[in-house]
Amino acid sequence: MKVKYTTIAVADMDESIKFYTGVMGLEIDKQFNPRPGLNITFMKGEGESIIELIENVENPEKPGLIAFGMEVEDMNTTVKELKSKGAKFTLEPIQTPAEILAFLEDPNGVRIALIQH
């Protein structure tokens, strides 16, 4: 599996974008709002990994690392293998317009997204 992205809950999207562009030298890859009050910005630097910033205005999470995503070649095979090792999935594989996603959690509650493009 290849690390694809890291998700960070942010308290202020504009301030976070200024930091990641102005200080860290990343660029905005894409932005969207899946529903009112939920703002998502993908930041990209060198390489393939991205940082996903999430601002939930209506129900803010404590700022900080909440998830990371790993790209897999074959979702069904990977899920079966991880379950055989005791992994507990919080979201079974679903098809989105661009990919197949599944979520599991580590012992600390960090969400791990599996992504098959």
PDB file of N, CA and C in Angstrom:
ATOM      1  N   MET A   1       0.840  -1.175   0.000  1.00  0.00           N
ATOM      2  CA  MET A   1       0.000   0.000   0.000  1.00  0.00           C
ATOM      3  C   MET A   1       0.885   1.239   0.000  1.00  0.00           C
ATOM      4  N   LYS A   2       0.398   2.257  -0.668  1.00  0.00           N
ATOM      5  CA  LYS A   2       1.143   3.510  -0.787  1.00  0.00           C
ATOM      6  C   LYS A   2       0.370   4.612  -0.068  1.00  0.00           C
ATOM      7  N   VAL A   3       1.053   5.377   0.814  1.00  0.00           N
ATOM      8  CA  VAL A   3       0.402   6.500   1.484  1.00  0.00           C
ATOM      9  C   VAL A   3       0.027   7.522   0.429  1.00  0.00           C
ATOM     10  N   LYS A   4      -1.254   7.907   0.404  1.00  0.00           N
ATOM     11  CA  LYS A   4      -1.774   8.798  -0.618  1.00  0.00           C
ATOM     12  C   LYS A   4      -2.077  10.185  -0.062  1.00  0.00           C
ATOM     13  N   TYR A   5      -2.699  10.258   1.117  1.00  0.00           N
ATOM     14  CA  TYR A   5      -3.021  11.563   1.685  1.00  0.00           C
ATOM     15  C   TYR A   5      -3.125  11.503   3.195  1.00  0.00           C
ATOM     16  N   THR A   6      -3.087  12.686   3.804  1.00  0.00           N
ATOM     17  CA  THR A   6      -3.287  12.861   5.228  1.00  0.00           C
ATOM     18  C   THR A   6      -4.387  13.890   5.403  1.00  0.00           C
ATOM     19  N   THR A   7      -5.322  13.644   6.316  1.00  0.00           N
ATOM     20  CA  THR A   7      -6.423  14.571   6.571  1.00  0.00           C
ATOM     21  C   THR A   7      -6.187  15.286   7.885  1.00  0.00           C
ATOM     22  N   ILE A   8      -6.345  16.598   7.863  1.00  0.00           N
ATOM     23  CA  ILE A   8      -6.179  17.417   9.056  1.00  0.00           C
ATOM     24  C   ILE A   8      -7.454  18.226   9.259  1.00  0.00           C
ATOM     25  N   ALA A   9      -8.063  18.120  10.439  1.00  0.00           N
ATOM     26  CA  ALA A   9      -9.199  18.970  10.788  1.00  0.00           C
ATOM     27  C   ALA A   9      -8.637  20.334  11.168  1.00  0.00           C
ATOM     28  N   VAL A  10      -9.176  21.392  10.571  1.00  0.00           N
ATOM     29  CA  VAL A  10      -8.674  22.746  10.830  1.00  0.00           C
ATOM     30  C   VAL A  10      -9.781  23.604  11.430  1.00  0.00           C
ATOM     31  N   ALA A  11      -9.378  24.568  12.263  1.00  0.00           N
ATOM     32  CA  ALA A  11     -10.335  25.483  12.877  1.00  0.00           C
ATOM     33  C   ALA A  11     -10.665  26.639  11.944  1.00  0.00           C
ATOM     34  N   ASP A  12      -9.713  27.038  11.091  1.00  0.00           N
ATOM     35  CA  ASP A  12      -9.898  28.176  10.194  1.00  0.00           C
ATOM     36  C   ASP A  12      -9.255  27.837   8.849  1.00  0.00           C
ATOM     37  N   MET A  13     -10.071  27.594   7.834  1.00  0.00           N
ATOM     38  CA  MET A  13      -9.564  27.180   6.525  1.00  0.00           C
ATOM     39  C   MET A  13      -8.659  28.238   5.906  1.00  0.00           C
ATOM     40  N   ASP A  14      -9.068  29.490   5.935  1.00  0.00           N
ATOM     41  CA  ASP A  14      -8.260  30.546   5.313  1.00  0.00           C
ATOM     42  C   ASP A  14      -6.881  30.651   5.953  1.00  0.00           C
ATOM     43  N   GLU A  15      -6.835  30.617   7.272  1.00  0.00           N
ATOM     44  CA  GLU A  15      -5.559  30.680   7.994  1.00  0.00           C
ATOM     45  C   GLU A  15      -4.690  29.464   7.655  1.00  0.00           C
ATOM     46  N   SER A  16      -5.317  28.299   7.562  1.00  0.00           N
ATOM     47  CA  SER A  16      -4.581  27.075   7.251  1.00  0.00           C
ATOM     48  C   SER A  16      -4.032  27.105   5.832  1.00  0.00           C
ATOM     49  N   ILE A  17      -4.821  27.588   4.881  1.00  0.00           N
ATOM     50  CA  ILE A  17      -4.348  27.699   3.502  1.00  0.00           C
ATOM     51  C   ILE A  17      -3.169  28.660   3.425  1.00  0.00           C
ATOM     52  N   LYS A  18      -3.256  29.787   4.124  1.00  0.00           N
ATOM     53  CA  LYS A  18      -2.132  30.743   4.139  1.00  0.00           C
ATOM     54  C   LYS A  18      -0.860  30.076   4.649  1.00  0.00           C
ATOM     55  N   PHE A  19      -0.984  29.281   5.725  1.00  0.00           N
ATOM     56  CA  PHE A  19       0.183  28.600   6.283  1.00  0.00           C
ATOM     57  C   PHE A  19       0.766  27.600   5.288  1.00  0.00           C
ATOM     58  N   TYR A  20      -0.086  26.725   4.754  1.00  0.00           N
ATOM     59  CA  TYR A  20       0.426  25.668   3.877  1.00  0.00           C
ATOM     60  C   TYR A  20       0.927  26.186   2.532  1.00  0.00           C
ATOM     61  N   THR A  21       0.400  27.320   2.054  1.00  0.00           N
ATOM     62  CA  THR A  21       0.914  27.896   0.810  1.00  0.00           C
ATOM     63  C   THR A  21       2.093  28.826   1.094  1.00  0.00           C
ATOM     64  N   GLY A  22       1.914  29.774   1.998  1.00  0.00           N
ATOM     65  CA  GLY A  22       2.934  30.789   2.256  1.00  0.00           C
ATOM     66  C   GLY A  22       4.145  30.303   3.017  1.00  0.00           C
ATOM     67  N   VAL A  23       3.937  29.440   4.004  1.00  0.00           N
ATOM     68  CA  VAL A  23       5.040  28.961   4.841  1.00  0.00           C
ATOM     69  C   VAL A  23       5.628  27.656   4.302  1.00  0.00           C
ATOM     70  N   MET A  24       4.751  26.707   4.009  1.00  0.00           N
ATOM     71  CA  MET A  24       5.216  25.383   3.615  1.00  0.00           C
ATOM     72  C   MET A  24       5.447  25.237   2.114  1.00  0.00           C
ATOM     73  N   GLY A  25       4.966  26.180   1.307  1.00  0.00           N
ATOM     74  CA  GLY A  25       5.221  26.148  -0.130  1.00  0.00           C
ATOM     75  C   GLY A  25       4.357  25.179  -0.926  1.00  0.00           C
ATOM     76  N   LEU A  26       3.243  24.737  -0.351  1.00  0.00           N
ATOM     77  CA  LEU A  26       2.334  23.852  -1.081  1.00  0.00           C
ATOM     78  C   LEU A  26       1.397  24.681  -1.956  1.00  0.00           C
ATOM     79  N   GLU A  27       0.710  24.017  -2.863  1.00  0.00           N
ATOM     80  CA  GLU A  27      -0.260  24.681  -3.733  1.00  0.00           C
ATOM     81  C   GLU A  27      -1.620  24.050  -3.540  1.00  0.00           C
ATOM     82  N   ILE A  28      -2.666  24.838  -3.780  1.00  0.00           N
ATOM     83  CA  ILE A  28      -4.021  24.296  -3.735  1.00  0.00           C
ATOM     84  C   ILE A  28      -4.218  23.423  -4.962  1.00  0.00           C
ATOM     85  N   ASP A  29      -4.591  22.170  -4.730  1.00  0.00           N
ATOM     86  CA  ASP A  29      -4.864  21.236  -5.820  1.00  0.00           C
ATOM     87  C   ASP A  29      -6.326  21.330  -6.235  1.00  0.00           C
ATOM     88  N   LYS A  30      -7.234  21.283  -5.233  1.00  0.00           N
ATOM     89  CA  LYS A  30      -8.660  21.463  -5.509  1.00  0.00           C
ATOM     90  C   LYS A  30      -9.379  21.803  -4.214  1.00  0.00           C
ATOM     91  N   GLN A  31     -10.536  22.421  -4.358  1.00  0.00           N
ATOM     92  CA  GLN A  31     -11.378  22.779  -3.221  1.00  0.00           C
ATOM     93  C   GLN A  31     -12.819  22.447  -3.563  1.00  0.00           C
ATOM     94  N   PHE A  32     -13.581  22.029  -2.544  1.00  0.00           N
ATOM     95  CA  PHE A  32     -15.004  21.824  -2.755  1.00  0.00           C
ATOM     96  C   PHE A  32     -15.740  21.827  -1.426  1.00  0.00           C
ATOM     97  N   ASN A  33     -17.056  21.939  -1.518  1.00  0.00           N
ATOM     98  CA  ASN A  33     -17.932  21.971  -0.354  1.00  0.00           C
ATOM     99  C   ASN A  33     -19.029  20.924  -0.570  1.00  0.00           C
ATOM    100  N   PRO A  34     -18.840  19.700  -0.021  1.00  0.00           N
ATOM    101  CA  PRO A  34     -19.825  18.644  -0.249  1.00  0.00           C
ATOM    102  C   PRO A  34     -21.198  18.936   0.342  1.00  0.00           C
ATOM    103  N   ARG A  35     -21.225  19.794   1.358  1.00  0.00           N
ATOM    104  CA  ARG A  35     -22.499  20.231   1.941  1.00  0.00           C
ATOM    105  C   ARG A  35     -22.236  21.556   2.655  1.00  0.00           C
ATOM    106  N   PRO A  36     -23.294  22.330   2.924  1.00  0.00           N
ATOM    107  CA  PRO A  36     -23.094  23.610   3.601  1.00  0.00           C
ATOM    108  C   PRO A  36     -22.346  23.443   4.927  1.00  0.00           C
ATOM    109  N   GLY A  37     -21.350  24.283   5.145  1.00  0.00           N
ATOM    110  CA  GLY A  37     -20.579  24.249   6.377  1.00  0.00           C
ATOM    111  C   GLY A  37     -19.404  23.287   6.381  1.00  0.00           C
ATOM    112  N   LEU A  38     -19.253  22.486   5.328  1.00  0.00           N
ATOM    113  CA  LEU A  38     -18.135  21.552   5.244  1.00  0.00           C
ATOM    114  C   LEU A  38     -17.248  21.982   4.076  1.00  0.00           C
ATOM    115  N   ASN A  39     -16.052  22.438   4.400  1.00  0.00           N
ATOM    116  CA  ASN A  39     -15.114  22.944   3.396  1.00  0.00           C
ATOM    117  C   ASN A  39     -13.896  22.036   3.337  1.00  0.00           C
ATOM    118  N   ILE A  40     -13.528  21.626   2.128  1.00  0.00           N
ATOM    119  CA  ILE A  40     -12.398  20.726   1.940  1.00  0.00           C
ATOM    120  C   ILE A  40     -11.439  21.336   0.924  1.00  0.00           C
ATOM    121  N   THR A  41     -10.150  21.346   1.280  1.00  0.00           N
ATOM    122  CA  THR A  41      -9.098  21.828   0.383  1.00  0.00           C
ATOM    123  C   THR A  41      -8.003  20.783   0.333  1.00  0.00           C
ATOM    124  N   PHE A  42      -7.598  20.404  -0.880  1.00  0.00           N
ATOM    125  CA  PHE A  42      -6.476  19.493  -1.062  1.00  0.00           C
ATOM    126  C   PHE A  42      -5.246  20.317  -1.412  1.00  0.00           C
ATOM    127  N   MET A  43      -4.161  20.101  -0.666  1.00  0.00           N
ATOM    128  CA  MET A  43      -2.897  20.807  -0.866  1.00  0.00           C
ATOM    129  C   MET A  43      -1.878  19.815  -1.422  1.00  0.00           C
ATOM    130  N   LYS A  44      -1.072  20.284  -2.374  1.00  0.00           N
ATOM    131  CA  LYS A  44      -0.105  19.395  -3.018  1.00  0.00           C
ATOM    132  C   LYS A  44       1.270  20.045  -3.018  1.00  0.00           C
ATOM    133  N   GLY A  45       2.275  19.219  -2.782  1.00  0.00           N
ATOM    134  CA  GLY A  45       3.665  19.637  -2.885  1.00  0.00           C
ATOM    135  C   GLY A  45       4.352  18.742  -3.895  1.00  0.00           C
ATOM    136  N   GLU A  46       5.609  18.458  -3.657  1.00  0.00           N
ATOM    137  CA  GLU A  46       6.329  17.530  -4.529  1.00  0.00           C
ATOM    138  C   GLU A  46       5.855  16.108  -4.241  1.00  0.00           C
ATOM    139  N   GLY A  47       5.944  15.249  -5.227  1.00  0.00           N
ATOM    140  CA  GLY A  47       5.535  13.862  -5.042  1.00  0.00           C
ATOM    141  C   GLY A  47       4.044  13.693  -5.243  1.00  0.00           C
ATOM    142  N   GLU A  48       3.555  12.518  -4.882  1.00  0.00           N
ATOM    143  CA  GLU A  48       2.164  12.177  -5.126  1.00  0.00           C
ATOM    144  C   GLU A  48       1.240  12.398  -3.929  1.00  0.00           C
ATOM    145  N   SER A  49       1.780  12.428  -2.716  1.00  0.00           N
ATOM    146  CA  SER A  49       0.943  12.564  -1.526  1.00  0.00           C
ATOM    147  C   SER A  49       0.335  13.961  -1.439  1.00  0.00           C
ATOM    148  N   ILE A  50      -0.854  14.022  -0.845  1.00  0.00           N
ATOM    149  CA  ILE A  50      -1.526  15.300  -0.665  1.00  0.00           C
ATOM    150  C   ILE A  50      -1.945  15.455   0.790  1.00  0.00           C
ATOM    151  N   ILE A  51      -2.235  16.697   1.171  1.00  0.00           N
ATOM    152  CA  ILE A  51      -2.790  16.996   2.486  1.00  0.00           C
ATOM    153  C   ILE A  51      -4.215  17.482   2.261  1.00  0.00           C
ATOM    154  N   GLU A  52      -5.155  16.860   2.958  1.00  0.00           N
ATOM    155  CA  GLU A  52      -6.557  17.251   2.872  1.00  0.00           C
ATOM    156  C   GLU A  52      -6.898  18.036   4.134  1.00  0.00           C
ATOM    157  N   LEU A  53      -7.304  19.292   3.953  1.00  0.00           N
ATOM    158  CA  LEU A  53      -7.724  20.131   5.068  1.00  0.00           C
ATOM    159  C   LEU A  53      -9.249  20.115   5.105  1.00  0.00           C
ATOM    160  N   ILE A  54      -9.819  19.846   6.280  1.00  0.00           N
ATOM    161  CA  ILE A  54     -11.270  19.821   6.436  1.00  0.00           C
ATOM    162  C   ILE A  54     -11.676  20.811   7.519  1.00  0.00           C
ATOM    163  N   GLU A  55     -12.601  21.700   7.147  1.00  0.00           N
ATOM    164  CA  GLU A  55     -13.183  22.645   8.097  1.00  0.00           C
ATOM    165  C   GLU A  55     -14.678  22.355   8.175  1.00  0.00           C
ATOM    166  N   ASN A  56     -15.130  21.957   9.359  1.00  0.00           N
ATOM    167  CA  ASN A  56     -16.549  21.669   9.575  1.00  0.00           C
ATOM    168  C   ASN A  56     -17.107  22.783  10.451  1.00  0.00           C
ATOM    169  N   VAL A  57     -17.706  23.785   9.814  1.00  0.00           N
ATOM    170  CA  VAL A  57     -18.167  24.980  10.513  1.00  0.00           C
ATOM    171  C   VAL A  57     -19.277  24.655  11.505  1.00  0.00           C
ATOM    172  N   GLU A  58     -20.211  23.773  11.127  1.00  0.00           N
ATOM    173  CA  GLU A  58     -21.366  23.473  11.961  1.00  0.00           C
ATOM    174  C   GLU A  58     -21.045  22.560  13.134  1.00  0.00           C
ATOM    175  N   ASN A  59     -20.104  21.649  12.962  1.00  0.00           N
ATOM    176  CA  ASN A  59     -19.768  20.681  14.004  1.00  0.00           C
ATOM    177  C   ASN A  59     -18.255  20.492  14.023  1.00  0.00           C
ATOM    178  N   PRO A  60     -17.521  21.491  14.505  1.00  0.00           N
ATOM    179  CA  PRO A  60     -16.059  21.413  14.429  1.00  0.00           C
ATOM    180  C   PRO A  60     -15.480  20.266  15.249  1.00  0.00           C
ATOM    181  N   GLU A  61     -14.497  19.601  14.644  1.00  0.00           N
ATOM    182  CA  GLU A  61     -13.748  18.571  15.353  1.00  0.00           C
ATOM    183  C   GLU A  61     -12.554  19.260  16.006  1.00  0.00           C
ATOM    184  N   LYS A  62     -11.972  18.606  16.968  1.00  0.00           N
ATOM    185  CA  LYS A  62     -10.747  19.133  17.552  1.00  0.00           C
ATOM    186  C   LYS A  62      -9.699  19.170  16.435  1.00  0.00           C
ATOM    187  N   PRO A  63      -9.057  20.330  16.235  1.00  0.00           N
ATOM    188  CA  PRO A  63      -8.051  20.397  15.162  1.00  0.00           C
ATOM    189  C   PRO A  63      -6.944  19.376  15.364  1.00  0.00           C
ATOM    190  N   GLY A  64      -6.438  18.862  14.267  1.00  0.00           N
ATOM    191  CA  GLY A  64      -5.348  17.903  14.314  1.00  0.00           C
ATOM    192  C   GLY A  64      -5.539  16.772  13.325  1.00  0.00           C
ATOM    193  N   LEU A  65      -4.627  15.818  13.354  1.00  0.00           N
ATOM    194  CA  LEU A  65      -4.669  14.676  12.444  1.00  0.00           C
ATOM    195  C   LEU A  65      -5.876  13.808  12.747  1.00  0.00           C
ATOM    196  N   ILE A  66      -6.686  13.550  11.714  1.00  0.00           N
ATOM    197  CA  ILE A  66      -7.837  12.670  11.929  1.00  0.00           C
ATOM    198  C   ILE A  66      -7.819  11.442  11.030  1.00  0.00           C
ATOM    199  N   ALA A  67      -7.072  11.496   9.908  1.00  0.00           N
ATOM    200  CA  ALA A  67      -7.082  10.341   9.011  1.00  0.00           C
ATOM    201  C   ALA A  67      -5.913  10.412   8.036  1.00  0.00           C
ATOM    202  N   PHE A  68      -5.594   9.260   7.475  1.00  0.00           N
ATOM    203  CA  PHE A  68      -4.697   9.243   6.323  1.00  0.00           C
ATOM    204  C   PHE A  68      -5.196   8.193   5.360  1.00  0.00           C
ATOM    205  N   GLY A  69      -4.870   8.363   4.096  1.00  0.00           N
ATOM    206  CA  GLY A  69      -5.362   7.468   3.067  1.00  0.00           C
ATOM    207  C   GLY A  69      -4.245   6.671   2.436  1.00  0.00           C
ATOM    208  N   MET A  70      -4.550   5.412   2.119  1.00  0.00           N
ATOM    209  CA  MET A  70      -3.586   4.541   1.480  1.00  0.00           C
ATOM    210  C   MET A  70      -4.189   3.985   0.201  1.00  0.00           C
ATOM    211  N   GLU A  71      -3.425   4.070  -0.873  1.00  0.00           N
ATOM    212  CA  GLU A  71      -3.882   3.562  -2.161  1.00  0.00           C
ATOM    213  C   GLU A  71      -3.633   2.064  -2.235  1.00  0.00           C
ATOM    214  N   VAL A  72      -4.632   1.315  -2.700  1.00  0.00           N
ATOM    215  CA  VAL A  72      -4.505  -0.128  -2.852  1.00  0.00           C
ATOM    216  C   VAL A  72      -4.812  -0.520  -4.293  1.00  0.00           C
ATOM    217  N   GLU A  73      -4.240  -1.618  -4.712  1.00  0.00           N
ATOM    218  CA  GLU A  73      -4.449  -2.102  -6.083  1.00  0.00           C
ATOM    219  C   GLU A  73      -5.779  -2.824  -6.231  1.00  0.00           C
ATOM    220  N   ASP A  74      -6.132  -3.655  -5.231  1.00  0.00           N
ATOM    221  CA  ASP A  74      -7.342  -4.472  -5.301  1.00  0.00           C
ATOM    222  C   ASP A  74      -8.061  -4.379  -3.955  1.00  0.00           C
ATOM    223  N   MET A  75      -9.141  -3.618  -3.915  1.00  0.00           N
ATOM    224  CA  MET A  75      -9.847  -3.352  -2.659  1.00  0.00           C
ATOM    225  C   MET A  75     -10.341  -4.635  -2.005  1.00  0.00           C
ATOM    226  N   ASN A  76     -11.002  -5.503  -2.758  1.00  0.00           N
ATOM    227  CA  ASN A  76     -11.572  -6.709  -2.164  1.00  0.00           C
ATOM    228  C   ASN A  76     -10.510  -7.604  -1.531  1.00  0.00           C
ATOM    229  N   THR A  77      -9.411  -7.813  -2.228  1.00  0.00           N
ATOM    230  CA  THR A  77      -8.326  -8.642  -1.702  1.00  0.00           C
ATOM    231  C   THR A  77      -7.726  -8.010  -0.447  1.00  0.00           C
ATOM    232  N   THR A  78      -7.511  -6.685  -0.488  1.00  0.00           N
ATOM    233  CA  THR A  78      -6.910  -5.982   0.656  1.00  0.00           C
ATOM    234  C   THR A  78      -7.819  -6.048   1.872  1.00  0.00           C
ATOM    235  N   VAL A  79      -9.110  -5.806   1.680  1.00  0.00           N
ATOM    236  CA  VAL A  79     -10.051  -5.842   2.799  1.00  0.00           C
ATOM    237  C   VAL A  79     -10.093  -7.241   3.419  1.00  0.00           C
ATOM    238  N   LYS A  80     -10.156  -8.267   2.609  1.00  0.00           N
ATOM    239  CA  LYS A  80     -10.168  -9.646   3.128  1.00  0.00           C
ATOM    240  C   LYS A  80      -8.907  -9.933   3.937  1.00  0.00           C
ATOM    241  N   GLU A  81      -7.752  -9.520   3.402  1.00  0.00           N
ATOM    242  CA  GLU A  81      -6.486  -9.753   4.094  1.00  0.00           C
ATOM    243  C   GLU A  81      -6.444  -9.028   5.434  1.00  0.00           C
ATOM    244  N   LEU A  82      -6.863  -7.754   5.454  1.00  0.00           N
ATOM    245  CA  LEU A  82      -6.830  -6.984   6.696  1.00  0.00           C
ATOM    246  C   LEU A  82      -7.815  -7.535   7.731  1.00  0.00           C
ATOM    247  N   LYS A  83      -8.998  -7.936   7.282  1.00  0.00           N
ATOM    248  CA  LYS A  83      -9.968  -8.528   8.208  1.00  0.00           C
ATOM    249  C   LYS A  83      -9.434  -9.829   8.796  1.00  0.00           C
ATOM    250  N   SER A  84      -8.706 -10.606   8.007  1.00  0.00           N
ATOM    251  CA  SER A  84      -8.142 -11.862   8.518  1.00  0.00           C
ATOM    252  C   SER A  84      -7.101 -11.605   9.603  1.00  0.00           C
ATOM    253  N   LYS A  85      -6.562 -10.389   9.622  1.00  0.00           N
ATOM    254  CA  LYS A  85      -5.577 -10.004  10.638  1.00  0.00           C
ATOM    255  C   LYS A  85      -6.214  -9.260  11.805  1.00  0.00           C
ATOM    256  N   GLY A  86      -7.555  -9.159  11.793  1.00  0.00           N
ATOM    257  CA  GLY A  86      -8.261  -8.546  12.916  1.00  0.00           C
ATOM    258  C   GLY A  86      -8.673  -7.095  12.725  1.00  0.00           C
ATOM    259  N   ALA A  87      -8.480  -6.523  11.551  1.00  0.00           N
ATOM    260  CA  ALA A  87      -8.867  -5.130  11.315  1.00  0.00           C
ATOM    261  C   ALA A  87     -10.377  -4.986  11.398  1.00  0.00           C
ATOM    262  N   LYS A  88     -10.824  -3.912  12.022  1.00  0.00           N
ATOM    263  CA  LYS A  88     -12.249  -3.598  12.140  1.00  0.00           C
ATOM    264  C   LYS A  88     -12.563  -2.420  11.225  1.00  0.00           C
ATOM    265  N   PHE A  89     -13.453  -2.638  10.278  1.00  0.00           N
ATOM    266  CA  PHE A  89     -13.816  -1.598   9.319  1.00  0.00           C
ATOM    267  C   PHE A  89     -14.992  -0.779   9.836  1.00  0.00           C
ATOM    268  N   THR A  90     -14.899   0.542   9.691  1.00  0.00           N
ATOM    269  CA  THR A  90     -15.990   1.437  10.065  1.00  0.00           C
ATOM    270  C   THR A  90     -16.858   1.764   8.861  1.00  0.00           C
ATOM    271  N   LEU A  91     -16.330   1.525   7.660  1.00  0.00           N
ATOM    272  CA  LEU A  91     -17.097   1.688   6.427  1.00  0.00           C
ATOM    273  C   LEU A  91     -16.611   0.645   5.436  1.00  0.00           C
ATOM    274  N   GLU A  92     -17.504  -0.246   5.082  1.00  0.00           N
ATOM    275  CA  GLU A  92     -17.170  -1.256   4.079  1.00  0.00           C
ATOM    276  C   GLU A  92     -16.974  -0.566   2.731  1.00  0.00           C
ATOM    277  N   PRO A  93     -16.305  -1.204   1.780  1.00  0.00           N
ATOM    278  CA  PRO A  93     -16.035  -0.565   0.490  1.00  0.00           C
ATOM    279  C   PRO A  93     -17.295  -0.025  -0.190  1.00  0.00           C
ATOM    280  N   ILE A  94     -17.177   1.223  -0.654  1.00  0.00           N
ATOM    281  CA  ILE A  94     -18.255   1.860  -1.413  1.00  0.00           C
ATOM    282  C   ILE A  94     -17.672   2.437  -2.692  1.00  0.00           C
ATOM    283  N   GLN A  95     -18.475   2.488  -3.717  1.00  0.00           N
ATOM    284  CA  GLN A  95     -18.062   3.071  -4.998  1.00  0.00           C
ATOM    285  C   GLN A  95     -18.459   4.545  -5.005  1.00  0.00           C
ATOM    286  N   THR A  96     -17.490   5.431  -5.261  1.00  0.00           N
ATOM    287  CA  THR A  96     -17.769   6.852  -5.460  1.00  0.00           C
ATOM    288  C   THR A  96     -17.579   7.127  -6.949  1.00  0.00           C
ATOM    289  N   PRO A  97     -17.886   8.342  -7.400  1.00  0.00           N
ATOM    290  CA  PRO A  97     -17.693   8.618  -8.830  1.00  0.00           C
ATOM    291  C   PRO A  97     -16.251   8.404  -9.322  1.00  0.00           C
ATOM    292  N   ALA A  98     -15.268   8.575  -8.447  1.00  0.00           N
ATOM    293  CA  ALA A  98     -13.874   8.515  -8.892  1.00  0.00           C
ATOM    294  C   ALA A  98     -13.090   7.316  -8.375  1.00  0.00           C
ATOM    295  N   GLU A  99     -13.600   6.626  -7.321  1.00  0.00           N
ATOM    296  CA  GLU A  99     -12.792   5.586  -6.694  1.00  0.00           C
ATOM    297  C   GLU A  99     -13.656   4.687  -5.825  1.00  0.00           C
ATOM    298  N   ILE A 100     -13.028   3.646  -5.289  1.00  0.00           N
ATOM    299  CA  ILE A 100     -13.662   2.810  -4.276  1.00  0.00           C
ATOM    300  C   ILE A 100     -12.996   3.157  -2.952  1.00  0.00           C
ATOM    301  N   LEU A 101     -13.793   3.395  -1.905  1.00  0.00           N
ATOM    302  CA  LEU A 101     -13.280   3.780  -0.591  1.00  0.00           C
ATOM    303  C   LEU A 101     -13.733   2.794   0.467  1.00  0.00           C
ATOM    304  N   ALA A 102     -12.901   2.604   1.486  1.00  0.00           N
ATOM    305  CA  ALA A 102     -13.263   1.863   2.692  1.00  0.00           C
ATOM    306  C   ALA A 102     -12.506   2.511   3.843  1.00  0.00           C
ATOM    307  N   PHE A 103     -13.059   2.414   5.062  1.00  0.00           N
ATOM    308  CA  PHE A 103     -12.399   2.999   6.220  1.00  0.00           C
ATOM    309  C   PHE A 103     -12.266   1.984   7.346  1.00  0.00           C
ATOM    310  N   LEU A 104     -11.121   2.025   8.014  1.00  0.00           N
ATOM    311  CA  LEU A 104     -10.906   1.279   9.229  1.00  0.00           C
ATOM    312  C   LEU A 104     -10.229   2.217  10.213  1.00  0.00           C
ATOM    313  N   GLU A 105     -10.084   1.789  11.463  1.00  0.00           N
ATOM    314  CA  GLU A 105      -9.435   2.628  12.473  1.00  0.00           C
ATOM    315  C   GLU A 105      -8.296   1.879  13.126  1.00  0.00           C
ATOM    316  N   ASP A 106      -7.272   2.652  13.497  1.00  0.00           N
ATOM    317  CA  ASP A 106      -6.176   2.058  14.259  1.00  0.00           C
ATOM    318  C   ASP A 106      -6.574   2.030  15.732  1.00  0.00           C
ATOM    319  N   PRO A 107      -5.759   1.475  16.631  1.00  0.00           N
ATOM    320  CA  PRO A 107      -6.127   1.395  18.049  1.00  0.00           C
ATOM    321  C   PRO A 107      -6.322   2.751  18.724  1.00  0.00           C
ATOM    322  N   ASN A 108      -5.816   3.837  18.100  1.00  0.00           N
ATOM    323  CA  ASN A 108      -5.941   5.170  18.681  1.00  0.00           C
ATOM    324  C   ASN A 108      -7.134   5.943  18.135  1.00  0.00           C
ATOM    325  N   GLY A 109      -7.898   5.331  17.246  1.00  0.00           N
ATOM    326  CA  GLY A 109      -9.045   6.013  16.663  1.00  0.00           C
ATOM    327  C   GLY A 109      -8.727   6.808  15.406  1.00  0.00           C
ATOM    328  N   VAL A 110      -7.479   6.730  14.921  1.00  0.00           N
ATOM    329  CA  VAL A 110      -7.130   7.411  13.675  1.00  0.00           C
ATOM    330  C   VAL A 110      -7.768   6.647  12.529  1.00  0.00           C
ATOM    331  N   ARG A 111      -8.502   7.363  11.675  1.00  0.00           N
ATOM    332  CA  ARG A 111      -9.165   6.741  10.538  1.00  0.00           C
ATOM    333  C   ARG A 111      -8.163   6.481   9.416  1.00  0.00           C
ATOM    334  N   ILE A 112      -8.247   5.310   8.846  1.00  0.00           N
ATOM    335  CA  ILE A 112      -7.397   4.955   7.713  1.00  0.00           C
ATOM    336  C   ILE A 112      -8.327   4.676   6.533  1.00  0.00           C
ATOM    337  N   ALA A 113      -8.167   5.462   5.481  1.00  0.00           N
ATOM    338  CA  ALA A 113      -8.963   5.267   4.269  1.00  0.00           C
ATOM    339  C   ALA A 113      -8.172   4.402   3.312  1.00  0.00           C
ATOM    340  N   LEU A 114      -8.834   3.420   2.734  1.00  0.00           N
ATOM    341  CA  LEU A 114      -8.256   2.642   1.654  1.00  0.00           C
ATOM    342  C   LEU A 114      -8.900   3.141   0.362  1.00  0.00           C
ATOM    343  N   ILE A 115      -8.086   3.418  -0.654  1.00  0.00           N
ATOM    344  CA  ILE A 115      -8.560   4.011  -1.897  1.00  0.00           C
ATOM    345  C   ILE A 115      -8.094   3.164  -3.066  1.00  0.00           C
ATOM    346  N   GLN A 116      -9.032   2.766  -3.910  1.00  0.00           N
ATOM    347  CA  GLN A 116      -8.676   2.097  -5.170  1.00  0.00           C
ATOM    348  C   GLN A 116      -9.179   2.983  -6.300  1.00  0.00           C
ATOM    349  N   HIS A 117      -8.230   3.454  -7.118  1.00  0.00           N
ATOM    350  CA  HIS A 117      -8.605   4.318  -8.252  1.00  0.00           C
ATOM    351  C   HIS A 117      -8.948   3.500  -9.460  1.00  0.00           C
TER     352      HIS A 117
END
